[in-house]
Amino acid sequence: MASRLRFALVICFFAGTLILAVYLHSADHRVFYTLRRYKIEQVQLQQELWQKQLQVESLTNPASVSQRLGL
């Protein structure tokens, strides 16, 4: 009787360990893809900022200002 109980506890322990491993594996993938999505968004925003900076620099360029003023 005691050996059957011990066997059942060992089986429950291994089953619980496997379930926990699968959960941690899927949680790891969720975190990885979330971080990857944020990294992609950060790069896109950085590129957009660089484009805006180039637009501002082209508008404040002395040659373009002179051209707009007709000098």
PDB file of N, CA and C in Angstrom:
ATOM      1  N   MET A   1       0.822  -1.194   0.000  1.00  0.00           N
ATOM      2  CA  MET A   1       0.000   0.000   0.000  1.00  0.00           C
ATOM      3  C   MET A   1       0.866   1.258   0.000  1.00  0.00           C
ATOM      4  N   ALA A   2       1.896   1.278   0.839  1.00  0.00           N
ATOM      5  CA  ALA A   2       2.771   2.445   0.912  1.00  0.00           C
ATOM      6  C   ALA A   2       3.549   2.620  -0.382  1.00  0.00           C
ATOM      7  N   SER A   3       3.936   1.527  -1.032  1.00  0.00           N
ATOM      8  CA  SER A   3       4.691   1.635  -2.282  1.00  0.00           C
ATOM      9  C   SER A   3       3.798   2.192  -3.399  1.00  0.00           C
ATOM     10  N   ARG A   4       2.511   1.847  -3.385  1.00  0.00           N
ATOM     11  CA  ARG A   4       1.589   2.392  -4.388  1.00  0.00           C
ATOM     12  C   ARG A   4       1.401   3.891  -4.172  1.00  0.00           C
ATOM     13  N   LEU A   5       1.293   4.297  -2.931  1.00  0.00           N
ATOM     14  CA  LEU A   5       1.151   5.720  -2.625  1.00  0.00           C
ATOM     15  C   LEU A   5       2.401   6.476  -3.045  1.00  0.00           C
ATOM     16  N   ARG A   6       3.558   5.908  -2.759  1.00  0.00           N
ATOM     17  CA  ARG A   6       4.816   6.537  -3.143  1.00  0.00           C
ATOM     18  C   ARG A   6       4.906   6.633  -4.671  1.00  0.00           C
ATOM     19  N   PHE A   7       4.525   5.572  -5.365  1.00  0.00           N
ATOM     20  CA  PHE A   7       4.533   5.565  -6.827  1.00  0.00           C
ATOM     21  C   PHE A   7       3.583   6.639  -7.376  1.00  0.00           C
ATOM     22  N   ALA A   8       2.398   6.759  -6.787  1.00  0.00           N
ATOM     23  CA  ALA A   8       1.425   7.764  -7.225  1.00  0.00           C
ATOM     24  C   ALA A   8       1.972   9.175  -6.989  1.00  0.00           C
ATOM     25  N   LEU A   9       2.644   9.397  -5.868  1.00  0.00           N
ATOM     26  CA  LEU A   9       3.227  10.713  -5.591  1.00  0.00           C
ATOM     27  C   LEU A   9       4.349  11.036  -6.564  1.00  0.00           C
ATOM     28  N   VAL A  10       5.157  10.042  -6.893  1.00  0.00           N
ATOM     29  CA  VAL A  10       6.236  10.261  -7.860  1.00  0.00           C
ATOM     30  C   VAL A  10       5.654  10.604  -9.227  1.00  0.00           C
ATOM     31  N   ILE A  11       4.610   9.900  -9.650  1.00  0.00           N
ATOM     32  CA  ILE A  11       3.962  10.185 -10.931  1.00  0.00           C
ATOM     33  C   ILE A  11       3.370  11.593 -10.928  1.00  0.00           C
ATOM     34  N   CYS A  12       2.709  11.969  -9.836  1.00  0.00           N
ATOM     35  CA  CYS A  12       2.135  13.318  -9.726  1.00  0.00           C
ATOM     36  C   CYS A  12       3.236  14.380  -9.763  1.00  0.00           C
ATOM     37  N   PHE A  13       4.357  14.106  -9.114  1.00  0.00           N
ATOM     38  CA  PHE A  13       5.471  15.047  -9.107  1.00  0.00           C
ATOM     39  C   PHE A  13       6.012  15.245 -10.522  1.00  0.00           C
ATOM     40  N   PHE A  14       6.246  14.148 -11.248  1.00  0.00           N
ATOM     41  CA  PHE A  14       6.758  14.263 -12.610  1.00  0.00           C
ATOM     42  C   PHE A  14       5.747  14.934 -13.540  1.00  0.00           C
ATOM     43  N   ALA A  15       4.473  14.624 -13.367  1.00  0.00           N
ATOM     44  CA  ALA A  15       3.449  15.265 -14.192  1.00  0.00           C
ATOM     45  C   ALA A  15       3.412  16.771 -13.911  1.00  0.00           C
ATOM     46  N   GLY A  16       3.473  17.135 -12.656  1.00  0.00           N
ATOM     47  CA  GLY A  16       3.497  18.553 -12.296  1.00  0.00           C
ATOM     48  C   GLY A  16       4.726  19.257 -12.838  1.00  0.00           C
ATOM     49  N   THR A  17       5.865  18.576 -12.779  1.00  0.00           N
ATOM     50  CA  THR A  17       7.103  19.152 -13.309  1.00  0.00           C
ATOM     51  C   THR A  17       7.002  19.372 -14.812  1.00  0.00           C
ATOM     52  N   LEU A  18       6.438  18.428 -15.526  1.00  0.00           N
ATOM     53  CA  LEU A  18       6.283  18.569 -16.976  1.00  0.00           C
ATOM     54  C   LEU A  18       5.302  19.682 -17.330  1.00  0.00           C
ATOM     55  N   ILE A  19       4.213  19.770 -16.589  1.00  0.00           N
ATOM     56  CA  ILE A  19       3.237  20.853 -16.830  1.00  0.00           C
ATOM     57  C   ILE A  19       3.884  22.205 -16.577  1.00  0.00           C
ATOM     58  N   LEU A  20       4.651  22.321 -15.504  1.00  0.00           N
ATOM     59  CA  LEU A  20       5.356  23.570 -15.204  1.00  0.00           C
ATOM     60  C   LEU A  20       6.368  23.902 -16.296  1.00  0.00           C
ATOM     61  N   ALA A  21       7.078  22.912 -16.794  1.00  0.00           N
ATOM     62  CA  ALA A  21       8.053  23.144 -17.857  1.00  0.00           C
ATOM     63  C   ALA A  21       7.381  23.660 -19.125  1.00  0.00           C
ATOM     64  N   VAL A  22       6.244  23.078 -19.481  1.00  0.00           N
ATOM     65  CA  VAL A  22       5.506  23.539 -20.671  1.00  0.00           C
ATOM     66  C   VAL A  22       5.004  24.964 -20.463  1.00  0.00           C
ATOM     67  N   TYR A  23       4.503  25.261 -19.279  1.00  0.00           N
ATOM     68  CA  TYR A  23       4.022  26.618 -18.986  1.00  0.00           C
ATOM     69  C   TYR A  23       5.164  27.629 -19.080  1.00  0.00           C
ATOM     70  N   LEU A  24       6.308  27.307 -18.492  1.00  0.00           N
ATOM     71  CA  LEU A  24       7.443  28.230 -18.536  1.00  0.00           C
ATOM     72  C   LEU A  24       7.956  28.403 -19.965  1.00  0.00           C
ATOM     73  N   HIS A  25       7.915  27.345 -20.737  1.00  0.00           N
ATOM     74  CA  HIS A  25       8.351  27.429 -22.128  1.00  0.00           C
ATOM     75  C   HIS A  25       7.448  28.368 -22.924  1.00  0.00           C
ATOM     76  N   SER A  26       6.143  28.238 -22.747  1.00  0.00           N
ATOM     77  CA  SER A  26       5.221  29.121 -23.472  1.00  0.00           C
ATOM     78  C   SER A  26       5.311  30.552 -22.951  1.00  0.00           C
ATOM     79  N   ALA A  27       5.528  30.719 -21.654  1.00  0.00           N
ATOM     80  CA  ALA A  27       5.683  32.062 -21.100  1.00  0.00           C
ATOM     81  C   ALA A  27       6.942  32.717 -21.657  1.00  0.00           C
ATOM     82  N   ASP A  28       7.999  31.929 -21.832  1.00  0.00           N
ATOM     83  CA  ASP A  28       9.238  32.447 -22.396  1.00  0.00           C
ATOM     84  C   ASP A  28       9.014  32.945 -23.817  1.00  0.00           C
ATOM     85  N   HIS A  29       8.252  32.193 -24.601  1.00  0.00           N
ATOM     86  CA  HIS A  29       7.956  32.616 -25.970  1.00  0.00           C
ATOM     87  C   HIS A  29       7.112  33.885 -25.983  1.00  0.00           C
ATOM     88  N   ARG A  30       6.144  33.989 -25.090  1.00  0.00           N
ATOM     89  CA  ARG A  30       5.314  35.199 -25.038  1.00  0.00           C
ATOM     90  C   ARG A  30       6.165  36.412 -24.714  1.00  0.00           C
ATOM     91  N   VAL A  31       7.052  36.288 -23.750  1.00  0.00           N
ATOM     92  CA  VAL A  31       7.915  37.414 -23.368  1.00  0.00           C
ATOM     93  C   VAL A  31       8.845  37.770 -24.519  1.00  0.00           C
ATOM     94  N   PHE A  32       9.417  36.764 -25.176  1.00  0.00           N
ATOM     95  CA  PHE A  32      10.325  37.022 -26.297  1.00  0.00           C
ATOM     96  C   PHE A  32       9.616  37.791 -27.409  1.00  0.00           C
ATOM     97  N   TYR A  33       8.420  37.353 -27.804  1.00  0.00           N
ATOM     98  CA  TYR A  33       7.722  38.019 -28.895  1.00  0.00           C
ATOM     99  C   TYR A  33       7.221  39.401 -28.487  1.00  0.00           C
ATOM    100  N   THR A  34       6.884  39.577 -27.233  1.00  0.00           N
ATOM    101  CA  THR A  34       6.490  40.913 -26.759  1.00  0.00           C
ATOM    102  C   THR A  34       7.680  41.867 -26.828  1.00  0.00           C
ATOM    103  N   LEU A  35       8.834  41.415 -26.349  1.00  0.00           N
ATOM    104  CA  LEU A  35      10.027  42.254 -26.417  1.00  0.00           C
ATOM    105  C   LEU A  35      10.429  42.532 -27.860  1.00  0.00           C
ATOM    106  N   ARG A  36      10.294  41.530 -28.719  1.00  0.00           N
ATOM    107  CA  ARG A  36      10.636  41.712 -30.130  1.00  0.00           C
ATOM    108  C   ARG A  36       9.709  42.737 -30.777  1.00  0.00           C
ATOM    109  N   ARG A  37       8.421  42.684 -30.439  1.00  0.00           N
ATOM    110  CA  ARG A  37       7.461  43.642 -30.989  1.00  0.00           C
ATOM    111  C   ARG A  37       7.803  45.065 -30.539  1.00  0.00           C
ATOM    112  N   TYR A  38       8.162  45.225 -29.256  1.00  0.00           N
ATOM    113  CA  TYR A  38       8.535  46.552 -28.753  1.00  0.00           C
ATOM    114  C   TYR A  38       9.823  47.054 -29.399  1.00  0.00           C
ATOM    115  N   LYS A  39      10.758  46.155 -29.661  1.00  0.00           N
ATOM    116  CA  LYS A  39      12.011  46.547 -30.313  1.00  0.00           C
ATOM    117  C   LYS A  39      11.740  47.028 -31.735  1.00  0.00           C
ATOM    118  N   ILE A  40      10.876  46.321 -32.455  1.00  0.00           N
ATOM    119  CA  ILE A  40      10.525  46.731 -33.820  1.00  0.00           C
ATOM    120  C   ILE A  40       9.831  48.087 -33.804  1.00  0.00           C
ATOM    121  N   GLU A  41       8.933  48.279 -32.850  1.00  0.00           N
ATOM    122  CA  GLU A  41       8.232  49.559 -32.736  1.00  0.00           C
ATOM    123  C   GLU A  41       9.214  50.684 -32.419  1.00  0.00           C
ATOM    124  N   GLN A  42      10.189  50.398 -31.567  1.00  0.00           N
ATOM    125  CA  GLN A  42      11.194  51.400 -31.212  1.00  0.00           C
ATOM    126  C   GLN A  42      12.014  51.795 -32.438  1.00  0.00           C
ATOM    127  N   VAL A  43      12.401  50.825 -33.245  1.00  0.00           N
ATOM    128  CA  VAL A  43      13.186  51.117 -34.450  1.00  0.00           C
ATOM    129  C   VAL A  43      12.354  51.942 -35.428  1.00  0.00           C
ATOM    130  N   GLN A  44      11.079  51.613 -35.575  1.00  0.00           N
ATOM    131  CA  GLN A  44      10.218  52.375 -36.484  1.00  0.00           C
ATOM    132  C   GLN A  44      10.066  53.819 -36.012  1.00  0.00           C
ATOM    133  N   LEU A  45       9.883  54.006 -34.713  1.00  0.00           N
ATOM    134  CA  LEU A  45       9.760  55.362 -34.183  1.00  0.00           C
ATOM    135  C   LEU A  45      11.064  56.139 -34.333  1.00  0.00           C
ATOM    136  N   GLN A  46      12.180  55.443 -34.183  1.00  0.00           N
ATOM    137  CA  GLN A  46      13.477  56.086 -34.345  1.00  0.00           C
ATOM    138  C   GLN A  46      13.668  56.534 -35.800  1.00  0.00           C
ATOM    139  N   GLN A  47      13.283  55.707 -36.752  1.00  0.00           N
ATOM    140  CA  GLN A  47      13.380  56.083 -38.156  1.00  0.00           C
ATOM    141  C   GLN A  47      12.470  57.262 -38.475  1.00  0.00           C
ATOM    142  N   GLU A  48      11.288  57.260 -37.906  1.00  0.00           N
ATOM    143  CA  GLU A  48      10.360  58.373 -38.112  1.00  0.00           C
ATOM    144  C   GLU A  48      10.931  59.664 -37.540  1.00  0.00           C
ATOM    145  N   LEU A  49      11.557  59.552 -36.385  1.00  0.00           N
ATOM    146  CA  LEU A  49      12.177  60.728 -35.769  1.00  0.00           C
ATOM    147  C   LEU A  49      13.317  61.255 -36.628  1.00  0.00           C
ATOM    148  N   TRP A  50      14.119  60.345 -37.176  1.00  0.00           N
ATOM    149  CA  TRP A  50      15.213  60.776 -38.053  1.00  0.00           C
ATOM    150  C   TRP A  50      14.673  61.481 -39.295  1.00  0.00           C
ATOM    151  N   GLN A  51      13.578  60.984 -39.849  1.00  0.00           N
ATOM    152  CA  GLN A  51      12.988  61.630 -41.019  1.00  0.00           C
ATOM    153  C   GLN A  51      12.495  63.030 -40.679  1.00  0.00           C
ATOM    154  N   LYS A  52      11.860  63.155 -39.519  1.00  0.00           N
ATOM    155  CA  LYS A  52      11.379  64.476 -39.089  1.00  0.00           C
ATOM    156  C   LYS A  52      12.555  65.419 -38.851  1.00  0.00           C
ATOM    157  N   GLN A  53      13.636  64.888 -38.285  1.00  0.00           N
ATOM    158  CA  GLN A  53      14.812  65.713 -38.045  1.00  0.00           C
ATOM    159  C   GLN A  53      15.409  66.199 -39.370  1.00  0.00           C
ATOM    160  N   LEU A  54      15.452  65.322 -40.363  1.00  0.00           N
ATOM    161  CA  LEU A  54      15.950  65.737 -41.675  1.00  0.00           C
ATOM    162  C   LEU A  54      15.049  66.794 -42.306  1.00  0.00           C
ATOM    163  N   GLN A  55      13.746  66.671 -42.117  1.00  0.00           N
ATOM    164  CA  GLN A  55      12.822  67.680 -42.644  1.00  0.00           C
ATOM    165  C   GLN A  55      13.071  69.029 -41.984  1.00  0.00           C
ATOM    166  N   VAL A  56      13.243  69.025 -40.674  1.00  0.00           N
ATOM    167  CA  VAL A  56      13.490  70.277 -39.952  1.00  0.00           C
ATOM    168  C   VAL A  56      14.817  70.884 -40.387  1.00  0.00           C
ATOM    169  N   GLU A  57      15.832  70.048 -40.534  1.00  0.00           N
ATOM    170  CA  GLU A  57      17.134  70.562 -40.958  1.00  0.00           C
ATOM    171  C   GLU A  57      17.067  71.130 -42.368  1.00  0.00           C
ATOM    172  N   SER A  58      16.286  70.510 -43.241  1.00  0.00           N
ATOM    173  CA  SER A  58      16.175  71.042 -44.602  1.00  0.00           C
ATOM    174  C   SER A  58      15.401  72.360 -44.608  1.00  0.00           C
ATOM    175  N   LEU A  59      14.467  72.521 -43.687  1.00  0.00           N
ATOM    176  CA  LEU A  59      13.711  73.777 -43.622  1.00  0.00           C
ATOM    177  C   LEU A  59      14.534  74.901 -43.004  1.00  0.00           C
ATOM    178  N   THR A  60      15.445  74.561 -42.109  1.00  0.00           N
ATOM    179  CA  THR A  60      16.242  75.589 -41.439  1.00  0.00           C
ATOM    180  C   THR A  60      17.605  75.771 -42.087  1.00  0.00           C
ATOM    181  N   ASN A  61      17.850  75.065 -43.169  1.00  0.00           N
ATOM    182  CA  ASN A  61      19.104  75.204 -43.899  1.00  0.00           C
ATOM    183  C   ASN A  61      19.185  76.629 -44.457  1.00  0.00           C
ATOM    184  N   PRO A  62      20.309  77.328 -44.269  1.00  0.00           N
ATOM    185  CA  PRO A  62      20.423  78.736 -44.764  1.00  0.00           C
ATOM    186  C   PRO A  62      20.128  78.872 -46.254  1.00  0.00           C
ATOM    187  N   ALA A  63      20.513  77.902 -47.058  1.00  0.00           N
ATOM    188  CA  ALA A  63      20.258  78.006 -48.504  1.00  0.00           C
ATOM    189  C   ALA A  63      18.767  77.931 -48.793  1.00  0.00           C
ATOM    190  N   SER A  64      18.064  77.051 -48.122  1.00  0.00           N
ATOM    191  CA  SER A  64      16.624  76.937 -48.380  1.00  0.00           C
ATOM    192  C   SER A  64      15.885  78.145 -47.834  1.00  0.00           C
ATOM    193  N   VAL A  65      16.351  78.705 -46.715  1.00  0.00           N
ATOM    194  CA  VAL A  65      15.700  79.900 -46.161  1.00  0.00           C
ATOM    195  C   VAL A  65      15.883  81.067 -47.125  1.00  0.00           C
ATOM    196  N   SER A  66      17.088  81.194 -47.665  1.00  0.00           N
ATOM    197  CA  SER A  66      17.355  82.282 -48.625  1.00  0.00           C
ATOM    198  C   SER A  66      16.498  82.097 -49.873  1.00  0.00           C
ATOM    199  N   GLN A  67      16.361  80.868 -50.329  1.00  0.00           N
ATOM    200  CA  GLN A  67      15.568  80.589 -51.516  1.00  0.00           C
ATOM    201  C   GLN A  67      14.098  80.935 -51.275  1.00  0.00           C
ATOM    202  N   ARG A  68      13.587  80.627 -50.106  1.00  0.00           N
ATOM    203  CA  ARG A  68      12.191  80.937 -49.813  1.00  0.00           C
ATOM    204  C   ARG A  68      11.947  82.439 -49.676  1.00  0.00           C
ATOM    205  N   LEU A  69      12.942  83.122 -49.151  1.00  0.00           N
ATOM    206  CA  LEU A  69      12.796  84.569 -49.006  1.00  0.00           C
ATOM    207  C   LEU A  69      13.039  85.294 -50.320  1.00  0.00           C
ATOM    208  N   GLY A  70      13.610  84.592 -51.285  1.00  0.00           N
ATOM    209  CA  GLY A  70      13.859  85.207 -52.602  1.00  0.00           C
ATOM    210  C   GLY A  70      15.113  86.034 -52.601  1.00  0.00           C
ATOM    211  N   LEU A  71      16.056  85.713 -51.740  1.00  0.00           N
ATOM    212  CA  LEU A  71      17.310  86.507 -51.699  1.00  0.00           C
ATOM    213  C   LEU A  71      18.342  85.943 -52.617  1.00  0.00           C
TER     214      LEU A  71
END
